Full PDB file with SEQRES, HELIX, SHEET, SSBOND, CRYST1, ORIGX, SCALE, CONECT and MASTER records, all heavy atoms in Angstrom:
SEQRES   1 A   37  GLN ILE PHE ASN GLU ASP ARG TYR CYS GLY ASP TYR GLU          
SEQRES   2 A   37  ASP PHE PHE HIS SER LYS GLU ASN ASN THR VAL PHE ALA          
SEQRES   3 A   37  PHE LEU GLY LEU LYS SER LYS PRO SER ILE LYS                  
HELIX    1 AA1 TYR A   12  GLU A   20  1                                   9    
HELIX    2 AA2 VAL A   24  PHE A   27  1                                   4    
SHEET    1 AA1 2 ILE A   2  ASN A   4  0                                        
SHEET    2 AA1 2 ARG A   7  GLY A  10 -1                                        
CRYST1    1.000    1.000    1.000  90.00  90.00  90.00 P 1           1          
ORIGX1      1.000000  0.000000  0.000000        0.00000                         
ORIGX2      0.000000  1.000000  0.000000        0.00000                         
ORIGX3      0.000000  0.000000  1.000000        0.00000                         
SCALE1      1.000000  0.000000  0.000000        0.00000                         
SCALE2      0.000000  1.000000  0.000000        0.00000                         
SCALE3      0.000000  0.000000  1.000000        0.00000                         
ATOM      1  N   GLN A   1     240.747  59.343  95.363  1.00  0.00           N  
ATOM      2  CA  GLN A   1     239.693  59.567  96.270  1.00  0.00           C  
ATOM      3  C   GLN A   1     238.574  58.670  95.896  1.00  0.00           C  
ATOM      4  O   GLN A   1     238.282  58.482  94.637  1.00  0.00           O  
ATOM      5  CB  GLN A   1     239.216  60.953  96.319  1.00  0.00           C  
ATOM      6  CG  GLN A   1     240.279  61.964  96.800  1.00  0.00           C  
ATOM      7  CD  GLN A   1     240.608  61.807  98.257  1.00  0.00           C  
ATOM      8  OE1 GLN A   1     239.782  61.406  99.079  1.00  0.00           O  
ATOM      9  NE2 GLN A   1     241.836  62.249  98.569  1.00  0.00           N  
ATOM     10  N   ILE A   2     237.842  57.988  96.789  1.00  0.00           N  
ATOM     11  CA  ILE A   2     236.988  56.941  96.496  1.00  0.00           C  
ATOM     12  C   ILE A   2     235.568  57.280  97.022  1.00  0.00           C  
ATOM     13  O   ILE A   2     235.406  57.698  98.183  1.00  0.00           O  
ATOM     14  CB  ILE A   2     237.425  55.545  97.054  1.00  0.00           C  
ATOM     15  CG1 ILE A   2     238.860  55.308  96.507  1.00  0.00           C  
ATOM     16  CG2 ILE A   2     236.415  54.480  96.688  1.00  0.00           C  
ATOM     17  CD1 ILE A   2     239.550  54.257  97.326  1.00  0.00           C  
ATOM     18  N   PHE A   3     234.494  57.148  96.082  1.00  0.00           N  
ATOM     19  CA  PHE A   3     233.197  57.421  96.554  1.00  0.00           C  
ATOM     20  C   PHE A   3     232.345  56.104  96.119  1.00  0.00           C  
ATOM     21  O   PHE A   3     232.640  55.461  95.173  1.00  0.00           O  
ATOM     22  CB  PHE A   3     232.599  58.622  95.744  1.00  0.00           C  
ATOM     23  CG  PHE A   3     233.245  59.907  96.227  1.00  0.00           C  
ATOM     24  CD1 PHE A   3     234.419  60.360  95.840  1.00  0.00           C  
ATOM     25  CD2 PHE A   3     232.438  60.761  97.030  1.00  0.00           C  
ATOM     26  CE1 PHE A   3     234.966  61.576  96.179  1.00  0.00           C  
ATOM     27  CE2 PHE A   3     232.950  61.964  97.428  1.00  0.00           C  
ATOM     28  CZ  PHE A   3     234.253  62.347  97.076  1.00  0.00           C  
ATOM     29  N   ASN A   4     231.186  56.012  96.704  1.00  0.00           N  
ATOM     30  CA  ASN A   4     230.150  55.114  96.209  1.00  0.00           C  
ATOM     31  C   ASN A   4     228.935  55.941  95.913  1.00  0.00           C  
ATOM     32  O   ASN A   4     228.357  56.503  96.818  1.00  0.00           O  
ATOM     33  CB  ASN A   4     229.778  54.003  97.317  1.00  0.00           C  
ATOM     34  CG  ASN A   4     228.856  53.050  96.749  1.00  0.00           C  
ATOM     35  OD1 ASN A   4     228.012  53.314  95.820  1.00  0.00           O  
ATOM     36  ND2 ASN A   4     228.876  51.767  97.191  1.00  0.00           N  
ATOM     37  N   GLU A   5     228.754  56.245  94.624  1.00  0.00           N  
ATOM     38  CA  GLU A   5     227.863  57.250  94.200  1.00  0.00           C  
ATOM     39  C   GLU A   5     228.282  58.570  94.763  1.00  0.00           C  
ATOM     40  O   GLU A   5     229.384  58.963  94.448  1.00  0.00           O  
ATOM     41  CB  GLU A   5     226.371  56.870  94.522  1.00  0.00           C  
ATOM     42  CG  GLU A   5     225.858  55.630  93.830  1.00  0.00           C  
ATOM     43  CD  GLU A   5     225.666  55.742  92.286  1.00  0.00           C  
ATOM     44  OE1 GLU A   5     225.632  56.940  91.806  1.00  0.00           O  
ATOM     45  OE2 GLU A   5     225.598  54.709  91.647  1.00  0.00           O  
ATOM     46  N   ASP A   6     227.418  59.177  95.601  1.00  0.00           N  
ATOM     47  CA  ASP A   6     227.700  60.469  96.147  1.00  0.00           C  
ATOM     48  C   ASP A   6     228.352  60.367  97.549  1.00  0.00           C  
ATOM     49  O   ASP A   6     228.669  61.374  98.249  1.00  0.00           O  
ATOM     50  CB  ASP A   6     226.510  61.373  96.223  1.00  0.00           C  
ATOM     51  CG  ASP A   6     226.022  61.798  94.884  1.00  0.00           C  
ATOM     52  OD1 ASP A   6     226.785  61.650  93.912  1.00  0.00           O  
ATOM     53  OD2 ASP A   6     224.859  62.164  94.740  1.00  0.00           O  
ATOM     54  N   ARG A   7     228.441  59.117  98.132  1.00  0.00           N  
ATOM     55  CA  ARG A   7     228.948  58.897  99.559  1.00  0.00           C  
ATOM     56  C   ARG A   7     230.407  58.749  99.493  1.00  0.00           C  
ATOM     57  O   ARG A   7     230.970  57.850  98.794  1.00  0.00           O  
ATOM     58  CB  ARG A   7     228.273  57.648 100.041  1.00  0.00           C  
ATOM     59  CG  ARG A   7     228.705  57.394 101.555  1.00  0.00           C  
ATOM     60  CD  ARG A   7     228.164  56.144 102.110  1.00  0.00           C  
ATOM     61  NE  ARG A   7     228.748  54.929 101.555  1.00  0.00           N  
ATOM     62  CZ  ARG A   7     229.932  54.444 101.904  1.00  0.00           C  
ATOM     63  NH1 ARG A   7     230.665  55.016 102.798  1.00  0.00           N  
ATOM     64  NH2 ARG A   7     230.345  53.334 101.368  1.00  0.00           N  
ATOM     65  N   TYR A   8     231.088  59.598 100.261  1.00  0.00           N  
ATOM     66  CA  TYR A   8     232.528  59.531 100.395  1.00  0.00           C  
ATOM     67  C   TYR A   8     232.925  58.317 101.131  1.00  0.00           C  
ATOM     68  O   TYR A   8     232.510  58.051 102.272  1.00  0.00           O  
ATOM     69  CB  TYR A   8     233.085  60.843 101.058  1.00  0.00           C  
ATOM     70  CG  TYR A   8     234.582  60.862 101.158  1.00  0.00           C  
ATOM     71  CD1 TYR A   8     235.351  60.987 100.015  1.00  0.00           C  
ATOM     72  CD2 TYR A   8     235.161  60.803 102.435  1.00  0.00           C  
ATOM     73  CE1 TYR A   8     236.760  61.062 100.069  1.00  0.00           C  
ATOM     74  CE2 TYR A   8     236.580  60.885 102.484  1.00  0.00           C  
ATOM     75  CZ  TYR A   8     237.317  61.035 101.309  1.00  0.00           C  
ATOM     76  OH  TYR A   8     238.686  61.103 101.403  1.00  0.00           O  
ATOM     77  N   CYS A   9     233.819  57.550 100.522  1.00  0.00           N  
ATOM     78  CA  CYS A   9     234.366  56.299 101.218  1.00  0.00           C  
ATOM     79  C   CYS A   9     235.644  56.677 101.954  1.00  0.00           C  
ATOM     80  O   CYS A   9     235.876  56.271 103.067  1.00  0.00           O  
ATOM     81  CB  CYS A   9     234.486  55.168 100.245  1.00  0.00           C  
ATOM     82  SG  CYS A   9     233.019  54.596  99.449  1.00  0.00           S  
ATOM     83  N   GLY A  10     236.549  57.304 101.114  1.00  0.00           N  
ATOM     84  CA  GLY A  10     237.846  57.624 101.779  1.00  0.00           C  
ATOM     85  C   GLY A  10     238.927  57.854 100.685  1.00  0.00           C  
ATOM     86  O   GLY A  10     238.698  57.809  99.478  1.00  0.00           O  
ATOM     87  N   ASP A  11     240.179  57.962 101.143  1.00  0.00           N  
ATOM     88  CA  ASP A  11     241.311  58.158 100.294  1.00  0.00           C  
ATOM     89  C   ASP A  11     242.111  56.878 100.242  1.00  0.00           C  
ATOM     90  O   ASP A  11     241.650  55.833 100.733  1.00  0.00           O  
ATOM     91  CB  ASP A  11     242.153  59.340 100.807  1.00  0.00           C  
ATOM     92  CG  ASP A  11     242.702  59.144 102.203  1.00  0.00           C  
ATOM     93  OD1 ASP A  11     242.618  58.097 102.803  1.00  0.00           O  
ATOM     94  OD2 ASP A  11     243.266  60.150 102.717  1.00  0.00           O  
ATOM     95  N   TYR A  12     243.360  56.945  99.713  1.00  0.00           N  
ATOM     96  CA  TYR A  12     244.155  55.697  99.603  1.00  0.00           C  
ATOM     97  C   TYR A  12     244.439  55.081 100.937  1.00  0.00           C  
ATOM     98  O   TYR A  12     244.452  53.852 101.116  1.00  0.00           O  
ATOM     99  CB  TYR A  12     245.416  55.985  98.781  1.00  0.00           C  
ATOM    100  CG  TYR A  12     246.282  54.687  98.729  1.00  0.00           C  
ATOM    101  CD1 TYR A  12     245.909  53.704  97.947  1.00  0.00           C  
ATOM    102  CD2 TYR A  12     247.343  54.429  99.547  1.00  0.00           C  
ATOM    103  CE1 TYR A  12     246.676  52.476  97.876  1.00  0.00           C  
ATOM    104  CE2 TYR A  12     248.019  53.321  99.572  1.00  0.00           C  
ATOM    105  CZ  TYR A  12     247.662  52.318  98.738  1.00  0.00           C  
ATOM    106  OH  TYR A  12     248.321  51.103  98.751  1.00  0.00           O  
ATOM    107  N   GLU A  13     244.809  55.980 101.893  1.00  0.00           N  
ATOM    108  CA  GLU A  13     245.202  55.451 103.271  1.00  0.00           C  
ATOM    109  C   GLU A  13     244.006  54.626 103.851  1.00  0.00           C  
ATOM    110  O   GLU A  13     244.189  53.530 104.385  1.00  0.00           O  
ATOM    111  CB  GLU A  13     245.606  56.617 104.138  1.00  0.00           C  
ATOM    112  CG  GLU A  13     246.152  56.128 105.459  1.00  0.00           C  
ATOM    113  CD  GLU A  13     246.700  57.237 106.246  1.00  0.00           C  
ATOM    114  OE1 GLU A  13     247.454  58.172 105.745  1.00  0.00           O  
ATOM    115  OE2 GLU A  13     246.485  57.297 107.449  1.00  0.00           O  
ATOM    116  N   ASP A  14     242.797  55.185 103.715  1.00  0.00           N  
ATOM    117  CA  ASP A  14     241.602  54.473 104.221  1.00  0.00           C  
ATOM    118  C   ASP A  14     241.417  53.154 103.428  1.00  0.00           C  
ATOM    119  O   ASP A  14     241.077  52.185 104.071  1.00  0.00           O  
ATOM    120  CB  ASP A  14     240.401  55.424 104.066  1.00  0.00           C  
ATOM    121  CG  ASP A  14     240.379  56.642 104.788  1.00  0.00           C  
ATOM    122  OD1 ASP A  14     240.955  56.692 105.885  1.00  0.00           O  
ATOM    123  OD2 ASP A  14     239.958  57.670 104.216  1.00  0.00           O  
ATOM    124  N   PHE A  15     241.598  53.191 102.138  1.00  0.00           N  
ATOM    125  CA  PHE A  15     241.479  51.957 101.337  1.00  0.00           C  
ATOM    126  C   PHE A  15     242.469  50.902 101.805  1.00  0.00           C  
ATOM    127  O   PHE A  15     242.153  49.759 102.040  1.00  0.00           O  
ATOM    128  CB  PHE A  15     241.624  52.315  99.861  1.00  0.00           C  
ATOM    129  CG  PHE A  15     241.831  51.165  98.991  1.00  0.00           C  
ATOM    130  CD1 PHE A  15     240.734  50.331  98.595  1.00  0.00           C  
ATOM    131  CD2 PHE A  15     243.133  50.695  98.555  1.00  0.00           C  
ATOM    132  CE1 PHE A  15     240.937  49.209  97.807  1.00  0.00           C  
ATOM    133  CE2 PHE A  15     243.297  49.631  97.805  1.00  0.00           C  
ATOM    134  CZ  PHE A  15     242.158  48.793  97.384  1.00  0.00           C  
ATOM    135  N   PHE A  16     243.757  51.373 101.951  1.00  0.00           N  
ATOM    136  CA  PHE A  16     244.777  50.454 102.400  1.00  0.00           C  
ATOM    137  C   PHE A  16     244.475  49.865 103.729  1.00  0.00           C  
ATOM    138  O   PHE A  16     244.600  48.557 103.829  1.00  0.00           O  
ATOM    139  CB  PHE A  16     246.095  51.201 102.464  1.00  0.00           C  
ATOM    140  CG  PHE A  16     247.298  50.419 102.879  1.00  0.00           C  
ATOM    141  CD1 PHE A  16     247.901  49.554 102.030  1.00  0.00           C  
ATOM    142  CD2 PHE A  16     247.671  50.387 104.257  1.00  0.00           C  
ATOM    143  CE1 PHE A  16     248.986  48.718 102.462  1.00  0.00           C  
ATOM    144  CE2 PHE A  16     248.720  49.576 104.636  1.00  0.00           C  
ATOM    145  CZ  PHE A  16     249.371  48.793 103.751  1.00  0.00           C  
ATOM    146  N   HIS A  17     243.982  50.585 104.719  1.00  0.00           N  
ATOM    147  CA  HIS A  17     243.652  50.063 106.085  1.00  0.00           C  
ATOM    148  C   HIS A  17     242.528  49.038 105.883  1.00  0.00           C  
ATOM    149  O   HIS A  17     242.573  47.982 106.496  1.00  0.00           O  
ATOM    150  CB  HIS A  17     243.394  51.158 107.006  1.00  0.00           C  
ATOM    151  CG  HIS A  17     244.534  51.908 107.408  1.00  0.00           C  
ATOM    152  ND1 HIS A  17     245.658  51.391 108.006  1.00  0.00           N  
ATOM    153  CD2 HIS A  17     244.818  53.213 107.341  1.00  0.00           C  
ATOM    154  CE1 HIS A  17     246.588  52.300 108.231  1.00  0.00           C  
ATOM    155  NE2 HIS A  17     246.112  53.450 107.797  1.00  0.00           N  
ATOM    156  N   SER A  18     241.538  49.333 105.054  1.00  0.00           N  
ATOM    157  CA  SER A  18     240.407  48.404 104.842  1.00  0.00           C  
ATOM    158  C   SER A  18     240.878  47.089 104.239  1.00  0.00           C  
ATOM    159  O   SER A  18     240.397  45.998 104.554  1.00  0.00           O  
ATOM    160  CB  SER A  18     239.281  49.015 104.100  1.00  0.00           C  
ATOM    161  OG  SER A  18     239.545  49.202 102.782  1.00  0.00           O  
ATOM    162  N   LYS A  19     241.860  47.236 103.300  1.00  0.00           N  
ATOM    163  CA  LYS A  19     242.320  45.989 102.646  1.00  0.00           C  
ATOM    164  C   LYS A  19     243.157  45.152 103.675  1.00  0.00           C  
ATOM    165  O   LYS A  19     242.958  43.962 103.716  1.00  0.00           O  
ATOM    166  CB  LYS A  19     243.294  46.430 101.476  1.00  0.00           C  
ATOM    167  CG  LYS A  19     243.508  45.351 100.498  1.00  0.00           C  
ATOM    168  CD  LYS A  19     244.126  45.926  99.200  1.00  0.00           C  
ATOM    169  CE  LYS A  19     245.605  46.065  99.287  1.00  0.00           C  
ATOM    170  NZ  LYS A  19     246.301  46.323  98.014  1.00  0.00           N  
ATOM    171  N   GLU A  20     243.931  45.815 104.467  1.00  0.00           N  
ATOM    172  CA  GLU A  20     244.710  45.070 105.525  1.00  0.00           C  
ATOM    173  C   GLU A  20     243.791  44.368 106.558  1.00  0.00           C  
ATOM    174  O   GLU A  20     244.146  43.348 107.035  1.00  0.00           O  
ATOM    175  CB  GLU A  20     245.645  46.051 106.249  1.00  0.00           C  
ATOM    176  CG  GLU A  20     246.741  46.614 105.405  1.00  0.00           C  
ATOM    177  CD  GLU A  20     247.780  45.475 105.090  1.00  0.00           C  
ATOM    178  OE1 GLU A  20     248.213  44.871 105.984  1.00  0.00           O  
ATOM    179  OE2 GLU A  20     248.068  45.363 103.929  1.00  0.00           O  
ATOM    180  N   ASN A  21     242.676  45.063 106.787  1.00  0.00           N  
ATOM    181  CA  ASN A  21     241.641  44.477 107.776  1.00  0.00           C  
ATOM    182  C   ASN A  21     240.591  43.618 107.174  1.00  0.00           C  
ATOM    183  O   ASN A  21     239.699  43.158 107.804  1.00  0.00           O  
ATOM    184  CB  ASN A  21     241.027  45.607 108.568  1.00  0.00           C  
ATOM    185  CG  ASN A  21     242.000  46.362 109.436  1.00  0.00           C  
ATOM    186  OD1 ASN A  21     242.905  45.741 109.991  1.00  0.00           O  
ATOM    187  ND2 ASN A  21     241.915  47.672 109.460  1.00  0.00           N  
ATOM    188  N   ASN A  22     240.748  43.374 105.829  1.00  0.00           N  
ATOM    189  CA  ASN A  22     239.763  42.550 105.102  1.00  0.00           C  
ATOM    190  C   ASN A  22     238.378  43.125 105.244  1.00  0.00           C  
ATOM    191  O   ASN A  22     237.434  42.379 105.427  1.00  0.00           O  
ATOM    192  CB  ASN A  22     239.846  41.101 105.495  1.00  0.00           C  
ATOM    193  CG  ASN A  22     239.302  40.163 104.445  1.00  0.00           C  
ATOM    194  OD1 ASN A  22     239.321  40.506 103.300  1.00  0.00           O  
ATOM    195  ND2 ASN A  22     238.792  39.006 104.941  1.00  0.00           N  
ATOM    196  N   THR A  23     238.222  44.466 105.083  1.00  0.00           N  
ATOM    197  CA  THR A  23     236.916  45.103 105.270  1.00  0.00           C  
ATOM    198  C   THR A  23     236.618  45.923 103.997  1.00  0.00           C  
ATOM    199  O   THR A  23     235.836  46.906 104.085  1.00  0.00           O  
ATOM    200  CB  THR A  23     236.839  45.959 106.523  1.00  0.00           C  
ATOM    201  OG1 THR A  23     237.892  46.878 106.490  1.00  0.00           O  
ATOM    202  CG2 THR A  23     236.895  44.985 107.770  1.00  0.00           C  
ATOM    203  N   VAL A  24     237.225  45.695 102.866  1.00  0.00           N  
ATOM    204  CA  VAL A  24     237.128  46.590 101.690  1.00  0.00           C  
ATOM    205  C   VAL A  24     235.663  46.722 101.269  1.00  0.00           C  
ATOM    206  O   VAL A  24     235.213  47.835 100.923  1.00  0.00           O  
ATOM    207  CB  VAL A  24     238.047  46.082 100.592  1.00  0.00           C  
ATOM    208  CG1 VAL A  24     237.761  46.983  99.316  1.00  0.00           C  
ATOM    209  CG2 VAL A  24     239.500  46.198 100.953  1.00  0.00           C  
ATOM    210  N   PHE A  25     234.940  45.646 101.196  1.00  0.00           N  
ATOM    211  CA  PHE A  25     233.540  45.708 100.761  1.00  0.00           C  
ATOM    212  C   PHE A  25     232.656  46.597 101.682  1.00  0.00           C  
ATOM    213  O   PHE A  25     231.970  47.381 101.093  1.00  0.00           O  
ATOM    214  CB  PHE A  25     232.972  44.266 100.553  1.00  0.00           C  
ATOM    215  CG  PHE A  25     233.705  43.537  99.498  1.00  0.00           C  
ATOM    216  CD1 PHE A  25     234.707  42.718  99.765  1.00  0.00           C  
ATOM    217  CD2 PHE A  25     233.311  43.802  98.209  1.00  0.00           C  
ATOM    218  CE1 PHE A  25     235.461  42.042  98.805  1.00  0.00           C  
ATOM    219  CE2 PHE A  25     234.109  43.207  97.154  1.00  0.00           C  
ATOM    220  CZ  PHE A  25     235.125  42.300  97.491  1.00  0.00           C  
ATOM    221  N   ALA A  26     232.894  46.523 102.895  1.00  0.00           N  
ATOM    222  CA  ALA A  26     232.136  47.418 103.834  1.00  0.00           C  
ATOM    223  C   ALA A  26     232.621  48.860 103.614  1.00  0.00           C  
ATOM    224  O   ALA A  26     231.815  49.811 103.581  1.00  0.00           O  
ATOM    225  CB  ALA A  26     232.479  47.061 105.309  1.00  0.00           C  
ATOM    226  N   PHE A  27     233.948  49.057 103.471  1.00  0.00           N  
ATOM    227  CA  PHE A  27     234.544  50.409 103.158  1.00  0.00           C  
ATOM    228  C   PHE A  27     233.887  51.039 101.919  1.00  0.00           C  
ATOM    229  O   PHE A  27     233.504  52.213 101.916  1.00  0.00           O  
ATOM    230  CB  PHE A  27     236.116  50.292 103.015  1.00  0.00           C  
ATOM    231  CG  PHE A  27     236.729  51.430 102.407  1.00  0.00           C  
ATOM    232  CD1 PHE A  27     236.921  52.586 103.118  1.00  0.00           C  
ATOM    233  CD2 PHE A  27     237.180  51.427 101.060  1.00  0.00           C  
ATOM    234  CE1 PHE A  27     237.575  53.740 102.541  1.00  0.00           C  
ATOM    235  CE2 PHE A  27     237.825  52.489 100.491  1.00  0.00           C  
ATOM    236  CZ  PHE A  27     238.011  53.611 101.188  1.00  0.00           C  
ATOM    237  N   LEU A  28     233.689  50.216 100.912  1.00  0.00           N  
ATOM    238  CA  LEU A  28     233.089  50.676  99.648  1.00  0.00           C  
ATOM    239  C   LEU A  28     231.649  50.765  99.691  1.00  0.00           C  
ATOM    240  O   LEU A  28     230.997  51.231  98.783  1.00  0.00           O  
ATOM    241  CB  LEU A  28     233.529  49.714  98.445  1.00  0.00           C  
ATOM    242  CG  LEU A  28     235.020  49.647  98.186  1.00  0.00           C  
ATOM    243  CD1 LEU A  28     235.307  48.583  97.137  1.00  0.00           C  
ATOM    244  CD2 LEU A  28     235.582  51.032  97.684  1.00  0.00           C  
ATOM    245  N   GLY A  29     231.012  50.338 100.735  1.00  0.00           N  
ATOM    246  CA  GLY A  29     229.551  50.359 100.891  1.00  0.00           C  
ATOM    247  C   GLY A  29     228.858  49.293 100.079  1.00  0.00           C  
ATOM    248  O   GLY A  29     227.724  49.459  99.655  1.00  0.00           O  
ATOM    249  N   LEU A  30     229.613  48.121  99.873  1.00  0.00           N  
ATOM    250  CA  LEU A  30     229.081  47.024  99.181  1.00  0.00           C  
ATOM    251  C   LEU A  30     228.716  45.926 100.059  1.00  0.00           C  
ATOM    252  O   LEU A  30     229.383  45.745 101.176  1.00  0.00           O  
ATOM    253  CB  LEU A  30     230.075  46.567  98.098  1.00  0.00           C  
ATOM    254  CG  LEU A  30     230.597  47.623  97.105  1.00  0.00           C  
ATOM    255  CD1 LEU A  30     231.707  47.031  96.275  1.00  0.00           C  
ATOM    256  CD2 LEU A  30     229.463  48.100  96.263  1.00  0.00           C  
ATOM    257  N   LYS A  31     227.744  45.091  99.655  1.00  0.00           N  
ATOM    258  CA  LYS A  31     227.318  44.005 100.539  1.00  0.00           C  
ATOM    259  C   LYS A  31     228.342  42.900 100.636  1.00  0.00           C  
ATOM    260  O   LYS A  31     228.601  42.381 101.735  1.00  0.00           O  
ATOM    261  CB  LYS A  31     225.946  43.440 100.077  1.00  0.00           C  
ATOM    262  CG  LYS A  31     224.864  44.473 100.164  1.00  0.00           C  
ATOM    263  CD  LYS A  31     223.471  43.780 100.248  1.00  0.00           C  
ATOM    264  CE  LYS A  31     222.326  44.792 100.086  1.00  0.00           C  
ATOM    265  NZ  LYS A  31     222.325  45.767 101.205  1.00  0.00           N  
ATOM    266  N   SER A  32     228.849  42.474  99.499  1.00  0.00           N  
ATOM    267  CA  SER A  32     229.864  41.416  99.480  1.00  0.00           C  
ATOM    268  C   SER A  32     230.542  41.316  98.203  1.00  0.00           C  
ATOM    269  O   SER A  32     230.142  42.006  97.250  1.00  0.00           O  
ATOM    270  CB  SER A  32     229.237  40.040  99.892  1.00  0.00           C  
ATOM    271  OG  SER A  32     228.268  39.703  98.806  1.00  0.00           O  
ATOM    272  N   LYS A  33     231.518  40.427  98.088  1.00  0.00           N  
ATOM    273  CA  LYS A  33     232.253  40.247  96.856  1.00  0.00           C  
ATOM    274  C   LYS A  33     231.285  39.726  95.809  1.00  0.00           C  
ATOM    275  O   LYS A  33     230.534  38.711  96.107  1.00  0.00           O  
ATOM    276  CB  LYS A  33     233.404  39.322  97.080  1.00  0.00           C  
ATOM    277  CG  LYS A  33     234.309  39.069  95.857  1.00  0.00           C  
ATOM    278  CD  LYS A  33     235.463  38.156  96.244  1.00  0.00           C  
ATOM    279  CE  LYS A  33     236.316  38.006  95.041  1.00  0.00           C  
ATOM    280  NZ  LYS A  33     237.493  37.277  95.292  1.00  0.00           N  
ATOM    281  N   PRO A  34     231.261  40.291  94.591  1.00  0.00           N  
ATOM    282  CA  PRO A  34     230.405  39.687  93.571  1.00  0.00           C  
ATOM    283  C   PRO A  34     230.768  38.297  93.159  1.00  0.00           C  
ATOM    284  O   PRO A  34     232.046  37.949  93.145  1.00  0.00           O  
ATOM    285  CB  PRO A  34     230.559  40.712  92.355  1.00  0.00           C  
ATOM    286  CG  PRO A  34     231.818  41.392  92.642  1.00  0.00           C  
ATOM    287  CD  PRO A  34     232.080  41.355  94.070  1.00  0.00           C  
ATOM    288  N   SER A  35     229.787  37.489  92.946  1.00  0.00           N  
ATOM    289  CA  SER A  35     230.121  36.146  92.476  1.00  0.00           C  
ATOM    290  C   SER A  35     230.467  36.096  91.108  1.00  0.00           C  
ATOM    291  O   SER A  35     230.227  37.081  90.291  1.00  0.00           O  
ATOM    292  CB  SER A  35     228.918  35.224  92.719  1.00  0.00           C  
ATOM    293  OG  SER A  35     227.904  35.445  91.914  1.00  0.00           O  
ATOM    294  N   ILE A  36     231.175  35.051  90.551  1.00  0.00           N  
ATOM    295  CA  ILE A  36     231.553  34.968  89.153  1.00  0.00           C  
ATOM    296  C   ILE A  36     230.370  35.001  88.323  1.00  0.00           C  
ATOM    297  O   ILE A  36     230.261  35.594  87.265  1.00  0.00           O  
ATOM    298  CB  ILE A  36     232.454  33.745  88.957  1.00  0.00           C  
ATOM    299  CG1 ILE A  36     233.781  33.896  89.667  1.00  0.00           C  
ATOM    300  CG2 ILE A  36     232.610  33.437  87.469  1.00  0.00           C  
ATOM    301  CD1 ILE A  36     234.692  32.673  89.682  1.00  0.00           C  
ATOM    302  N   LYS A  37     229.244  34.280  88.729  1.00  0.00           N  
ATOM    303  CA  LYS A  37     228.022  34.262  87.960  1.00  0.00           C  
ATOM    304  C   LYS A  37     227.421  35.624  87.792  1.00  0.00           C  
ATOM    305  O   LYS A  37     226.976  36.041  86.683  1.00  0.00           O  
ATOM    306  CB  LYS A  37     227.030  33.334  88.684  1.00  0.00           C  
ATOM    307  CG  LYS A  37     225.753  33.099  87.891  1.00  0.00           C  
ATOM    308  CD  LYS A  37     224.853  32.141  88.515  1.00  0.00           C  
ATOM    309  CE  LYS A  37     223.662  31.781  87.664  1.00  0.00           C  
ATOM    310  NZ  LYS A  37     222.836  30.819  88.345  1.00  0.00           N  
TER     311      LYS A  37                                                      
MASTER        0    0    0    2    2    0    0    6  310    1    0    3          
END                                                                             
């Protein structure tokens, strides 16, 4: 089960669908992929 702090993001099925749709960062409540720097 995945949360961002106290906000529920979803379960594995939700994560899988977000990965397939290339929307994982939005699913996780993150702005974008962190840069290497």
